[in-house]
N, C-alpha and C. Protein backbone atom coordinates (compact mmCIF):
# COMPACT_ATOMS: atom_id res chain seq x y z
N MET A 1 -70.35 -74.10 -74.17
CA MET A 1 -71.01 -72.86 -74.56
C MET A 1 -69.55 -72.18 -75.19
N THR A 2 -68.55 -72.42 -75.39
CA THR A 2 -67.51 -71.82 -76.16
C THR A 2 -67.85 -72.45 -77.42
N GLU A 3 -68.25 -73.42 -77.99
CA GLU A 3 -68.62 -73.67 -79.31
C GLU A 3 -69.78 -73.18 -79.62
N THR A 4 -70.95 -73.05 -79.11
CA THR A 4 -72.22 -72.48 -79.20
C THR A 4 -71.54 -70.79 -79.67
N LEU A 5 -70.66 -70.08 -78.56
CA LEU A 5 -70.40 -68.52 -79.24
C LEU A 5 -69.53 -68.38 -80.20
N TYR A 6 -68.35 -69.49 -80.12
CA TYR A 6 -67.52 -69.28 -81.25
C TYR A 6 -67.32 -70.40 -82.27
N PRO A 7 -68.42 -70.94 -82.72
CA PRO A 7 -68.57 -72.17 -83.84
C PRO A 7 -67.30 -72.22 -84.46
N PHE A 8 -66.43 -71.05 -85.18
CA PHE A 8 -65.34 -70.83 -86.25
C PHE A 8 -64.04 -71.62 -85.61
N LEU A 9 -64.01 -72.06 -84.09
CA LEU A 9 -63.05 -72.29 -83.51
C LEU A 9 -62.88 -73.87 -83.46
N ARG A 10 -63.77 -74.52 -84.46
CA ARG A 10 -63.93 -75.75 -84.17
C ARG A 10 -63.47 -75.98 -86.07
N ARG A 11 -63.37 -75.13 -86.80
CA ARG A 11 -63.25 -75.43 -87.90
C ARG A 11 -61.61 -75.59 -88.13
N ASP A 12 -61.16 -76.58 -89.28
CA ASP A 12 -60.31 -77.03 -89.24
C ASP A 12 -59.36 -75.67 -90.16
N PRO A 13 -58.02 -75.94 -89.69
CA PRO A 13 -57.22 -74.39 -89.99
C PRO A 13 -57.14 -74.31 -91.47
N LEU A 14 -57.58 -75.43 -92.37
CA LEU A 14 -57.49 -75.19 -93.62
C LEU A 14 -58.44 -74.55 -94.17
N ASP A 15 -59.78 -74.86 -93.39
CA ASP A 15 -60.98 -74.21 -94.29
C ASP A 15 -61.19 -72.71 -93.49
N VAL A 16 -60.19 -72.33 -92.68
CA VAL A 16 -59.98 -70.91 -92.41
C VAL A 16 -59.09 -70.54 -93.32
N THR A 17 -58.11 -70.92 -93.80
CA THR A 17 -57.23 -70.54 -94.70
C THR A 17 -57.96 -69.84 -96.26
N ALA A 18 -58.62 -71.40 -96.78
CA ALA A 18 -59.07 -71.33 -97.57
C ALA A 18 -60.56 -70.45 -97.64
N SER A 19 -61.41 -69.93 -96.45
CA SER A 19 -62.33 -68.87 -96.29
C SER A 19 -61.74 -67.54 -96.49
N THR A 20 -60.76 -67.46 -95.84
CA THR A 20 -59.97 -66.23 -95.88
C THR A 20 -59.22 -65.74 -97.24
N ALA A 21 -58.86 -66.63 -98.02
CA ALA A 21 -58.42 -66.52 -99.73
C ALA A 21 -59.72 -66.34 -100.38
N ALA A 22 -61.21 -66.39 -99.87
CA ALA A 22 -62.12 -66.36 -100.93
C ALA A 22 -62.66 -64.59 -100.58
N LYS A 23 -62.08 -64.68 -99.12
CA LYS A 23 -63.03 -62.98 -98.80
C LYS A 23 -62.04 -61.97 -99.45
N ALA A 24 -60.72 -62.16 -99.33
CA ALA A 24 -59.79 -61.57 -100.18
C ALA A 24 -60.05 -61.19 -101.92
N ARG A 25 -60.20 -62.62 -102.21
CA ARG A 25 -60.78 -62.71 -103.51
C ARG A 25 -62.10 -61.44 -103.75
N GLU A 26 -62.90 -61.35 -103.20
CA GLU A 26 -64.38 -61.01 -103.26
C GLU A 26 -64.33 -59.70 -102.86
N SER A 27 -62.96 -59.17 -102.10
CA SER A 27 -62.96 -58.25 -101.68
C SER A 27 -62.25 -57.24 -102.67
N LEU A 28 -61.45 -57.65 -103.76
CA LEU A 28 -60.29 -57.37 -104.63
C LEU A 28 -61.37 -56.95 -105.90
N GLU A 29 -62.04 -58.19 -106.07
CA GLU A 29 -63.13 -58.11 -107.47
C GLU A 29 -64.21 -56.93 -107.15
N LEU A 30 -64.53 -56.86 -106.20
CA LEU A 30 -65.58 -55.65 -105.73
C LEU A 30 -64.71 -54.33 -105.93
N ARG A 31 -63.54 -54.52 -105.50
CA ARG A 31 -63.09 -52.67 -105.59
C ARG A 31 -62.55 -52.23 -107.36
N ARG A 32 -62.35 -53.76 -107.70
CA ARG A 32 -62.65 -53.66 -109.03
C ARG A 32 -63.13 -53.11 -109.68
N ARG A 33 -64.22 -54.10 -109.68
CA ARG A 33 -65.64 -53.31 -110.32
C ARG A 33 -66.35 -52.04 -110.02
N VAL A 34 -66.35 -51.72 -108.60
CA VAL A 34 -66.85 -50.05 -108.28
C VAL A 34 -65.32 -49.06 -109.25
N LEU A 35 -64.04 -49.67 -109.10
CA LEU A 35 -63.40 -48.37 -109.66
C LEU A 35 -63.44 -48.27 -111.02
N ASP A 36 -63.97 -49.60 -111.70
CA ASP A 36 -64.58 -49.35 -113.23
C ASP A 36 -65.79 -48.83 -113.74
N GLU A 37 -66.77 -49.16 -112.86
CA GLU A 37 -67.90 -48.70 -113.15
C GLU A 37 -68.11 -47.26 -112.57
N MET A 38 -67.37 -46.76 -111.98
CA MET A 38 -67.46 -45.37 -110.87
C MET A 38 -66.06 -44.72 -111.42
N ALA A 39 -65.32 -45.03 -112.07
CA ALA A 39 -64.47 -43.62 -113.05
C ALA A 39 -64.89 -42.42 -113.38
N GLU A 40 -65.82 -42.28 -114.18
CA GLU A 40 -66.54 -41.11 -114.48
C GLU A 40 -67.04 -40.63 -113.35
N PRO A 41 -67.91 -40.92 -112.58
CA PRO A 41 -68.35 -40.29 -111.65
C PRO A 41 -67.34 -39.69 -110.32
N LEU A 42 -65.92 -40.60 -110.21
CA LEU A 42 -65.05 -40.22 -109.27
C LEU A 42 -64.17 -38.92 -109.97
N ALA A 43 -64.27 -38.69 -111.31
CA ALA A 43 -63.59 -37.59 -112.04
C ALA A 43 -64.37 -36.62 -111.51
N ARG A 44 -66.17 -36.35 -111.82
CA ARG A 44 -66.58 -35.18 -111.77
C ARG A 44 -66.53 -34.79 -110.30
N CYS A 45 -66.54 -36.32 -109.07
CA CYS A 45 -66.45 -35.47 -107.74
C CYS A 45 -65.37 -34.95 -107.86
N ALA A 46 -64.18 -35.63 -108.37
CA ALA A 46 -62.65 -35.19 -108.18
C ALA A 46 -62.93 -33.39 -108.65
N ALA A 47 -63.40 -33.15 -109.59
CA ALA A 47 -63.62 -31.76 -110.32
C ALA A 47 -64.16 -30.85 -109.40
N ALA A 48 -65.36 -31.30 -108.78
CA ALA A 48 -66.05 -30.43 -107.94
C ALA A 48 -65.04 -30.11 -106.53
N LEU A 49 -64.52 -31.25 -106.09
CA LEU A 49 -63.93 -30.73 -104.82
C LEU A 49 -62.83 -30.18 -105.39
N THR A 50 -61.94 -30.19 -106.00
CA THR A 50 -60.77 -29.20 -106.97
C THR A 50 -61.21 -27.87 -106.40
N ALA A 51 -62.62 -27.63 -107.37
CA ALA A 51 -63.13 -26.15 -107.63
C ALA A 51 -63.01 -25.79 -105.85
N ALA A 52 -63.74 -26.51 -105.00
CA ALA A 52 -64.00 -25.91 -103.99
C ALA A 52 -62.81 -25.95 -103.19
N PHE A 53 -61.68 -26.57 -102.93
CA PHE A 53 -60.45 -26.30 -102.52
C PHE A 53 -59.66 -25.15 -102.82
N ARG A 54 -60.00 -24.99 -104.15
CA ARG A 54 -59.22 -23.75 -105.05
C ARG A 54 -60.32 -22.19 -104.31
N GLY A 55 -61.53 -22.47 -104.05
CA GLY A 55 -62.07 -21.75 -103.74
C GLY A 55 -62.44 -21.19 -102.33
N GLY A 56 -61.25 -21.90 -101.07
CA GLY A 56 -61.42 -21.71 -100.16
C GLY A 56 -61.94 -22.80 -99.26
N GLY A 57 -62.80 -23.34 -99.84
CA GLY A 57 -63.83 -24.73 -99.27
C GLY A 57 -62.85 -25.27 -98.30
N ARG A 58 -63.62 -26.14 -97.24
CA ARG A 58 -62.98 -26.88 -96.75
C ARG A 58 -63.85 -28.30 -96.60
N LEU A 59 -63.62 -29.24 -96.15
CA LEU A 59 -63.94 -30.32 -96.44
C LEU A 59 -64.67 -31.08 -94.76
N PHE A 60 -65.83 -31.31 -94.46
CA PHE A 60 -66.33 -31.94 -93.53
C PHE A 60 -66.62 -33.47 -93.77
N ALA A 61 -66.02 -34.46 -93.17
CA ALA A 61 -66.24 -35.84 -93.05
C ALA A 61 -66.88 -36.55 -92.17
N PHE A 62 -67.87 -37.44 -91.80
CA PHE A 62 -68.61 -37.48 -90.83
C PHE A 62 -69.43 -39.28 -91.00
N GLY A 63 -69.45 -40.05 -90.12
CA GLY A 63 -70.03 -40.96 -90.14
C GLY A 63 -70.27 -41.68 -88.44
N ASN A 64 -71.09 -42.86 -88.65
CA ASN A 64 -71.05 -43.65 -87.35
C ASN A 64 -70.12 -44.78 -87.56
N GLY A 65 -69.96 -45.13 -85.86
CA GLY A 65 -69.46 -46.44 -85.89
C GLY A 65 -67.73 -46.84 -86.87
N GLY A 66 -68.10 -47.92 -87.71
CA GLY A 66 -66.98 -48.06 -88.50
C GLY A 66 -66.60 -46.67 -89.58
N SER A 67 -67.63 -46.57 -89.95
CA SER A 67 -67.78 -45.08 -91.05
C SER A 67 -67.20 -43.94 -90.35
N SER A 68 -67.27 -43.68 -88.76
CA SER A 68 -66.25 -42.34 -88.18
C SER A 68 -64.87 -42.43 -88.31
N THR A 69 -64.50 -43.80 -88.50
CA THR A 69 -63.25 -44.12 -88.22
C THR A 69 -62.57 -44.14 -90.22
N ASP A 70 -63.48 -44.43 -90.74
CA ASP A 70 -63.31 -43.59 -92.33
C ASP A 70 -63.30 -42.34 -92.47
N ALA A 71 -64.47 -41.65 -91.76
CA ALA A 71 -64.49 -40.52 -91.50
C ALA A 71 -62.99 -39.48 -91.40
N GLN A 72 -62.31 -39.99 -90.32
CA GLN A 72 -61.07 -39.74 -89.33
C GLN A 72 -60.18 -39.78 -90.81
N SER A 73 -59.89 -41.27 -91.37
CA SER A 73 -59.14 -41.47 -92.55
C SER A 73 -59.56 -40.68 -93.79
N VAL A 74 -60.47 -40.61 -94.18
CA VAL A 74 -60.61 -39.25 -95.28
C VAL A 74 -60.04 -38.08 -95.18
N ALA A 75 -60.40 -37.45 -93.64
CA ALA A 75 -59.83 -36.12 -93.17
C ALA A 75 -58.62 -35.91 -93.13
N ALA A 76 -57.73 -37.20 -92.64
CA ALA A 76 -56.20 -37.27 -93.14
C ALA A 76 -55.92 -37.68 -93.86
N LEU A 77 -56.29 -37.95 -94.88
CA LEU A 77 -55.68 -38.58 -96.50
C LEU A 77 -55.95 -36.75 -97.09
N PHE A 78 -57.11 -36.03 -96.53
CA PHE A 78 -56.96 -34.60 -97.29
C PHE A 78 -55.77 -33.68 -96.72
N THR A 79 -55.80 -33.74 -95.22
CA THR A 79 -55.07 -32.63 -94.89
C THR A 79 -53.64 -33.15 -94.87
N GLY A 80 -53.58 -34.31 -94.93
CA GLY A 80 -51.55 -34.89 -95.14
C GLY A 80 -51.62 -34.56 -96.79
N ARG A 81 -52.25 -33.72 -97.46
CA ARG A 81 -52.30 -33.41 -99.16
C ARG A 81 -52.45 -31.65 -98.71
N GLY A 82 -52.50 -31.26 -97.42
CA GLY A 82 -52.06 -29.65 -97.60
C GLY A 82 -53.69 -29.38 -97.60
N LEU A 83 -54.96 -30.13 -97.93
CA LEU A 83 -55.86 -29.49 -97.84
C LEU A 83 -56.59 -29.45 -96.59
N PRO A 84 -57.68 -28.30 -96.46
CA PRO A 84 -58.13 -28.01 -95.01
C PRO A 84 -59.24 -29.45 -95.03
N ALA A 85 -59.34 -30.36 -93.85
CA ALA A 85 -60.47 -31.27 -93.66
C ALA A 85 -60.09 -31.39 -92.52
N VAL A 86 -61.63 -31.50 -92.03
CA VAL A 86 -61.81 -32.52 -90.65
C VAL A 86 -63.05 -33.22 -90.50
N SER A 87 -62.56 -34.24 -89.46
CA SER A 87 -63.95 -35.38 -89.16
C SER A 87 -64.89 -35.07 -88.21
N LEU A 88 -66.18 -34.70 -88.34
CA LEU A 88 -66.85 -34.46 -87.36
C LEU A 88 -67.54 -35.56 -86.32
N ALA A 89 -66.83 -36.46 -86.45
CA ALA A 89 -67.13 -37.52 -85.24
C ALA A 89 -65.77 -37.68 -84.42
N GLY A 90 -64.19 -36.73 -84.95
CA GLY A 90 -63.31 -37.20 -83.79
C GLY A 90 -63.16 -36.30 -82.89
N ASP A 91 -64.24 -35.35 -82.67
CA ASP A 91 -64.15 -35.03 -80.92
C ASP A 91 -65.58 -35.38 -80.14
N ALA A 92 -64.68 -36.13 -79.40
CA ALA A 92 -66.06 -36.76 -78.51
C ALA A 92 -66.35 -36.37 -77.09
N ALA A 93 -66.23 -35.27 -77.39
CA ALA A 93 -66.96 -34.60 -76.07
C ALA A 93 -67.79 -33.40 -76.98
N LEU A 94 -67.79 -33.64 -77.90
CA LEU A 94 -68.49 -32.66 -78.80
C LEU A 94 -69.70 -33.39 -79.43
N VAL A 95 -69.18 -34.53 -79.56
CA VAL A 95 -70.30 -35.52 -80.08
C VAL A 95 -71.08 -35.64 -79.38
N THR A 96 -70.77 -36.35 -78.12
CA THR A 96 -71.41 -36.75 -76.67
C THR A 96 -72.15 -35.53 -76.31
N ALA A 97 -71.54 -34.33 -76.41
CA ALA A 97 -72.56 -33.56 -75.60
C ALA A 97 -73.58 -33.00 -76.73
N LEU A 98 -73.66 -32.63 -77.74
CA LEU A 98 -74.74 -33.12 -78.42
C LEU A 98 -75.39 -33.96 -78.75
N GLY A 99 -75.16 -35.03 -78.65
CA GLY A 99 -76.07 -36.62 -78.61
C GLY A 99 -76.74 -36.21 -77.19
N ASN A 100 -76.25 -36.01 -75.98
CA ASN A 100 -76.56 -35.87 -74.88
C ASN A 100 -77.59 -34.57 -74.80
N ASP A 101 -77.43 -33.59 -74.94
CA ASP A 101 -78.07 -32.49 -74.93
C ASP A 101 -79.29 -32.34 -75.74
N VAL A 102 -78.68 -32.46 -77.00
CA VAL A 102 -79.55 -32.15 -78.66
C VAL A 102 -80.54 -33.30 -78.72
N GLY A 103 -79.47 -33.76 -78.91
CA GLY A 103 -80.29 -35.57 -79.67
C GLY A 103 -79.10 -35.96 -80.68
N PHE A 104 -78.58 -37.20 -80.44
CA PHE A 104 -78.10 -37.78 -81.23
C PHE A 104 -78.19 -37.67 -83.05
N ASP A 105 -79.08 -37.75 -83.42
CA ASP A 105 -79.79 -37.01 -84.70
C ASP A 105 -79.05 -36.18 -85.24
N VAL A 106 -78.67 -35.26 -84.25
CA VAL A 106 -78.47 -33.63 -85.02
C VAL A 106 -76.76 -33.77 -84.90
N VAL A 107 -76.10 -34.90 -84.08
CA VAL A 107 -74.28 -34.20 -83.90
C VAL A 107 -73.90 -33.82 -84.96
N PHE A 108 -74.15 -34.24 -86.41
CA PHE A 108 -73.49 -33.68 -87.59
C PHE A 108 -74.15 -32.39 -87.78
N ALA A 109 -74.92 -32.51 -88.16
CA ALA A 109 -75.84 -31.49 -88.85
C ALA A 109 -75.74 -30.05 -88.11
N ARG A 110 -75.76 -29.98 -86.59
CA ARG A 110 -75.40 -28.72 -85.98
C ARG A 110 -73.95 -28.24 -86.22
N GLN A 111 -73.14 -29.63 -86.32
CA GLN A 111 -71.39 -28.94 -86.64
C GLN A 111 -71.54 -28.34 -87.68
N LEU A 112 -72.27 -28.88 -88.82
CA LEU A 112 -72.05 -28.22 -89.97
C LEU A 112 -72.78 -26.95 -90.08
N ALA A 113 -73.91 -26.47 -89.32
CA ALA A 113 -74.82 -25.60 -89.53
C ALA A 113 -73.50 -24.29 -88.80
N ALA A 114 -72.88 -24.89 -87.86
CA ALA A 114 -71.65 -23.75 -87.06
C ALA A 114 -70.61 -23.42 -87.64
N LEU A 115 -70.14 -24.72 -88.71
CA LEU A 115 -68.95 -24.24 -89.37
C LEU A 115 -68.73 -24.46 -90.76
N GLY A 116 -69.80 -25.12 -91.16
CA GLY A 116 -69.81 -25.09 -92.92
C GLY A 116 -70.51 -23.74 -93.59
N GLY A 117 -70.35 -23.67 -94.67
CA GLY A 117 -71.06 -22.45 -95.39
C GLY A 117 -70.55 -23.05 -97.16
N THR A 118 -71.12 -22.10 -97.81
CA THR A 118 -71.39 -22.40 -99.01
C THR A 118 -69.69 -22.19 -99.93
N GLY A 119 -69.80 -23.58 -100.56
CA GLY A 119 -68.32 -23.57 -101.04
C GLY A 119 -67.65 -24.83 -99.99
N ASP A 120 -67.96 -25.20 -99.47
CA ASP A 120 -67.40 -25.74 -98.25
C ASP A 120 -67.80 -27.53 -98.91
N VAL A 121 -67.54 -28.62 -98.59
CA VAL A 121 -67.66 -30.12 -98.73
C VAL A 121 -68.28 -31.12 -97.89
N ALA A 122 -69.44 -31.39 -97.69
CA ALA A 122 -69.88 -32.63 -96.43
C ALA A 122 -69.67 -33.96 -97.02
N CYS A 123 -68.81 -34.96 -96.28
CA CYS A 123 -68.68 -36.11 -97.45
C CYS A 123 -69.23 -36.97 -95.95
N ALA A 124 -70.25 -37.72 -96.28
CA ALA A 124 -70.82 -38.72 -95.49
C ALA A 124 -70.97 -39.88 -95.75
N LEU A 125 -70.08 -40.49 -94.84
CA LEU A 125 -69.51 -42.39 -95.05
C LEU A 125 -71.23 -43.12 -94.12
N SER A 126 -71.63 -44.28 -94.91
CA SER A 126 -72.43 -45.10 -93.89
C SER A 126 -72.69 -46.15 -94.76
N THR A 127 -72.74 -47.19 -94.05
CA THR A 127 -72.72 -48.74 -94.98
C THR A 127 -74.30 -48.97 -95.66
N SER A 128 -75.13 -48.42 -94.42
CA SER A 128 -76.62 -48.32 -95.22
C SER A 128 -77.34 -47.52 -95.87
N GLY A 129 -76.83 -46.40 -95.80
CA GLY A 129 -77.15 -44.91 -96.33
C GLY A 129 -78.31 -44.68 -95.42
N GLY A 130 -78.60 -45.06 -94.53
CA GLY A 130 -80.08 -44.74 -93.92
C GLY A 130 -79.43 -44.26 -92.15
N SER A 131 -78.59 -43.84 -92.21
CA SER A 131 -78.46 -43.51 -90.53
C SER A 131 -78.81 -42.22 -90.60
N ALA A 132 -79.88 -42.07 -89.64
CA ALA A 132 -80.27 -40.63 -89.42
C ALA A 132 -79.50 -39.46 -89.13
N ASN A 133 -78.94 -39.27 -88.53
CA ASN A 133 -77.60 -38.32 -88.14
C ASN A 133 -76.76 -37.95 -89.53
N VAL A 134 -76.63 -38.97 -90.22
CA VAL A 134 -75.82 -38.84 -91.13
C VAL A 134 -76.87 -38.26 -92.38
N LEU A 135 -77.90 -38.73 -92.81
CA LEU A 135 -78.92 -38.01 -93.38
C LEU A 135 -79.37 -36.75 -93.01
N ARG A 136 -79.15 -36.01 -91.70
CA ARG A 136 -80.03 -35.04 -91.27
C ARG A 136 -78.25 -34.01 -91.73
N GLY A 137 -76.95 -34.37 -91.48
CA GLY A 137 -75.94 -33.59 -92.11
C GLY A 137 -75.93 -33.61 -93.50
N LEU A 138 -76.32 -34.28 -94.24
CA LEU A 138 -76.38 -34.15 -95.71
C LEU A 138 -77.34 -33.17 -96.05
N ALA A 139 -78.49 -32.86 -95.45
CA ALA A 139 -79.60 -32.23 -95.80
C ALA A 139 -79.08 -31.04 -94.78
N GLN A 140 -78.55 -31.10 -93.95
CA GLN A 140 -77.90 -29.37 -93.49
C GLN A 140 -77.05 -29.04 -94.52
N ALA A 141 -76.02 -29.57 -94.83
CA ALA A 141 -74.99 -29.26 -95.98
C ALA A 141 -75.56 -28.86 -97.08
N GLY A 142 -76.68 -29.18 -98.04
CA GLY A 142 -77.45 -29.29 -98.89
C GLY A 142 -78.11 -27.59 -98.51
N SER A 143 -78.90 -27.63 -97.28
CA SER A 143 -79.34 -26.18 -97.02
C SER A 143 -78.26 -25.35 -97.54
N LEU A 144 -77.13 -25.67 -97.12
CA LEU A 144 -75.94 -24.43 -96.84
C LEU A 144 -75.26 -24.31 -98.06
N ARG A 145 -75.85 -24.80 -98.93
CA ARG A 145 -75.37 -25.17 -100.71
C ARG A 145 -73.51 -25.56 -100.84
N MET A 146 -73.21 -26.36 -100.09
CA MET A 146 -72.29 -26.99 -99.82
C MET A 146 -72.26 -28.27 -100.80
N VAL A 147 -71.02 -28.67 -101.51
CA VAL A 147 -70.84 -29.56 -102.14
C VAL A 147 -70.89 -31.11 -101.39
N THR A 148 -71.79 -31.90 -101.79
CA THR A 148 -72.34 -33.07 -101.05
C THR A 148 -72.07 -34.45 -101.48
N ILE A 149 -70.87 -35.30 -100.77
CA ILE A 149 -70.62 -36.70 -101.07
C ILE A 149 -70.90 -37.36 -100.42
N GLY A 150 -71.69 -38.67 -101.07
CA GLY A 150 -71.94 -39.88 -100.06
C GLY A 150 -71.46 -41.11 -100.44
N PHE A 151 -71.13 -42.00 -99.39
CA PHE A 151 -70.84 -43.17 -99.86
C PHE A 151 -71.57 -43.97 -98.90
N ALA A 152 -72.09 -45.01 -100.00
CA ALA A 152 -73.42 -46.19 -99.19
C ALA A 152 -72.86 -47.37 -99.53
N GLY A 153 -73.91 -48.21 -99.32
CA GLY A 153 -73.48 -49.64 -100.01
C GLY A 153 -75.02 -50.21 -100.11
N SER A 154 -75.04 -51.32 -100.92
CA SER A 154 -76.37 -52.28 -100.93
C SER A 154 -77.09 -51.36 -101.89
N GLY A 155 -78.55 -50.65 -101.90
CA GLY A 155 -78.78 -49.82 -102.54
C GLY A 155 -78.89 -48.70 -102.35
N GLY A 156 -77.97 -48.02 -101.51
CA GLY A 156 -77.84 -46.81 -101.58
C GLY A 156 -78.91 -45.82 -99.90
N GLY A 157 -79.59 -46.86 -99.51
CA GLY A 157 -80.77 -46.32 -98.59
C GLY A 157 -81.81 -45.48 -99.05
N ARG A 158 -81.87 -44.68 -97.82
CA ARG A 158 -82.38 -43.18 -97.87
C ARG A 158 -81.73 -42.28 -98.29
N MET A 159 -80.30 -42.64 -98.54
CA MET A 159 -79.44 -41.23 -98.94
C MET A 159 -79.56 -41.46 -100.07
N ALA A 160 -79.79 -42.56 -101.37
CA ALA A 160 -79.82 -42.21 -102.60
C ALA A 160 -81.57 -42.15 -102.90
N GLU A 161 -82.43 -42.66 -102.05
CA GLU A 161 -83.93 -42.56 -102.38
C GLU A 161 -84.32 -40.65 -102.28
N GLU A 162 -83.95 -40.28 -101.18
CA GLU A 162 -83.92 -38.82 -100.92
C GLU A 162 -83.12 -37.75 -101.84
N GLY A 163 -81.99 -38.73 -102.37
CA GLY A 163 -81.14 -37.73 -103.34
C GLY A 163 -80.10 -36.54 -102.45
N LEU A 164 -79.78 -37.00 -101.34
CA LEU A 164 -79.29 -36.29 -100.50
C LEU A 164 -77.87 -35.98 -100.75
N ALA A 165 -77.13 -36.47 -101.56
CA ALA A 165 -75.64 -36.05 -102.01
C ALA A 165 -75.92 -35.94 -103.42
N GLU A 166 -74.93 -34.64 -104.25
CA GLU A 166 -74.88 -34.71 -105.21
C GLU A 166 -73.95 -35.83 -106.00
N HIS A 167 -72.87 -36.41 -105.35
CA HIS A 167 -72.02 -36.78 -105.83
C HIS A 167 -72.37 -38.29 -104.60
N LEU A 168 -72.87 -39.04 -105.28
CA LEU A 168 -72.97 -40.63 -104.36
C LEU A 168 -72.40 -41.88 -105.14
N PHE A 169 -71.67 -42.60 -104.20
CA PHE A 169 -70.93 -43.85 -104.67
C PHE A 169 -72.02 -44.91 -103.91
N VAL A 170 -72.32 -45.83 -104.36
CA VAL A 170 -73.03 -46.76 -103.89
C VAL A 170 -72.22 -48.00 -104.15
N VAL A 171 -71.93 -48.85 -103.29
CA VAL A 171 -71.37 -50.16 -103.83
C VAL A 171 -72.48 -51.48 -103.54
N PRO A 172 -72.17 -51.84 -104.50
CA PRO A 172 -73.20 -52.75 -104.63
C PRO A 172 -72.87 -54.17 -103.86
N SER A 173 -72.71 -54.11 -102.56
CA SER A 173 -72.87 -55.22 -102.07
C SER A 173 -73.47 -55.35 -100.46
N SER A 174 -73.95 -56.23 -99.79
CA SER A 174 -74.69 -56.42 -98.68
C SER A 174 -74.19 -56.40 -97.45
N SER A 175 -72.38 -57.13 -97.58
CA SER A 175 -71.64 -57.13 -96.92
C SER A 175 -70.77 -55.95 -96.16
N VAL A 176 -71.18 -55.53 -94.80
CA VAL A 176 -70.67 -54.49 -94.25
C VAL A 176 -69.04 -54.35 -94.47
N HIS A 177 -68.35 -55.07 -94.06
CA HIS A 177 -67.22 -55.49 -94.62
C HIS A 177 -66.69 -54.73 -96.00
N ARG A 178 -67.22 -55.72 -97.25
CA ARG A 178 -66.83 -55.61 -98.22
C ARG A 178 -67.12 -54.16 -98.77
N ILE A 179 -68.33 -53.59 -98.08
CA ILE A 179 -69.22 -52.35 -98.58
C ILE A 179 -67.44 -51.17 -98.10
N GLN A 180 -67.06 -51.44 -96.88
CA GLN A 180 -66.31 -50.48 -95.91
C GLN A 180 -64.87 -50.86 -97.12
N GLU A 181 -64.61 -52.07 -97.31
CA GLU A 181 -63.61 -52.17 -98.10
C GLU A 181 -63.54 -51.27 -99.45
N ALA A 182 -64.47 -51.46 -100.15
CA ALA A 182 -64.30 -50.79 -101.49
C ALA A 182 -64.61 -49.15 -101.13
N GLN A 183 -65.19 -48.59 -100.11
CA GLN A 183 -65.45 -47.24 -100.02
C GLN A 183 -63.98 -46.85 -99.60
N THR A 184 -63.46 -47.53 -98.95
CA THR A 184 -61.84 -47.07 -98.82
C THR A 184 -61.34 -47.05 -100.06
N THR A 185 -61.55 -47.94 -100.79
CA THR A 185 -60.73 -47.96 -102.17
C THR A 185 -60.84 -46.10 -102.86
N LEU A 186 -62.00 -46.14 -103.15
CA LEU A 186 -62.82 -45.34 -103.77
C LEU A 186 -62.33 -43.85 -103.18
N TYR A 187 -62.35 -43.46 -101.62
CA TYR A 187 -62.03 -42.59 -101.10
C TYR A 187 -60.58 -42.09 -101.26
N HIS A 188 -59.56 -43.01 -101.50
CA HIS A 188 -58.08 -43.14 -101.87
C HIS A 188 -57.83 -43.01 -103.07
N VAL A 189 -58.45 -43.28 -104.04
CA VAL A 189 -58.35 -42.29 -105.34
C VAL A 189 -59.23 -41.42 -105.31
N LEU A 190 -60.05 -41.31 -104.96
CA LEU A 190 -60.29 -39.38 -104.88
C LEU A 190 -59.79 -38.48 -104.23
N ALA A 191 -59.13 -39.00 -103.23
CA ALA A 191 -57.89 -37.89 -102.76
C ALA A 191 -56.94 -37.75 -103.59
N GLU A 192 -56.41 -38.63 -104.01
CA GLU A 192 -55.13 -38.60 -105.10
C GLU A 192 -55.58 -37.72 -106.23
N LEU A 193 -56.84 -38.06 -106.78
CA LEU A 193 -57.22 -37.25 -108.10
C LEU A 193 -57.25 -35.88 -107.68
N VAL A 194 -58.01 -35.69 -106.48
CA VAL A 194 -58.08 -33.84 -106.22
C VAL A 194 -56.44 -33.61 -105.92
N SER A 195 -55.73 -34.09 -105.19
CA SER A 195 -54.58 -33.63 -104.81
C SER A 195 -53.58 -33.28 -105.98
N ALA A 196 -53.68 -33.93 -106.85
CA ALA A 196 -53.08 -33.42 -108.21
C ALA A 196 -53.41 -32.08 -108.63
N ASP A 197 -54.54 -31.30 -108.23
CA ASP A 197 -55.05 -30.72 -109.03
C ASP A 197 -55.32 -29.36 -108.08
N ALA A 198 -55.77 -29.75 -106.55
CA ALA A 198 -55.94 -28.36 -105.84
C ALA A 198 -55.05 -27.58 -105.06
N ARG A 199 -54.09 -28.08 -105.07
CA ARG A 199 -53.09 -26.99 -104.30
C ARG A 199 -52.65 -25.94 -105.15
């Protein structure tokens, strides 16, 4: 039974070492690639964010699962640099209340309707680009004339198809792990670019 559920336990330690090294190389190569290919879009996004912060705007980050953790990281990165940012996934009571009482597909849109406005920033994170609540959050942000940023993977999903983000960063990978690693690199670079000019 154990071998069926955990086949990797049968592997030779050298195989695990080789697999780890291969994954690290793959991750590094993808991060370098996206930084090379997205340098100009990152610069444009940083300029829009800088203008928003200088105008008194706030950043609202959101996502599900691992992307909710990334949203918290985004908010912490900017707040740590003295810029107003919050994760909409960070308040478990609020998220579960909205999910239970209204519907999980509106947990971000409802918060943005209450808290966001013109000149603020919505930063959506999704590995698939297809999470209904993330898409509705971006649509709500667009209706409020907020700056919209999207991080997705693979082909960008509905986030790309529907043009919901003014600044869209699609990581060219189908691996959830590699997508999130590359997205982390992108938003860290974005925070560095913005913090140099926004305060």
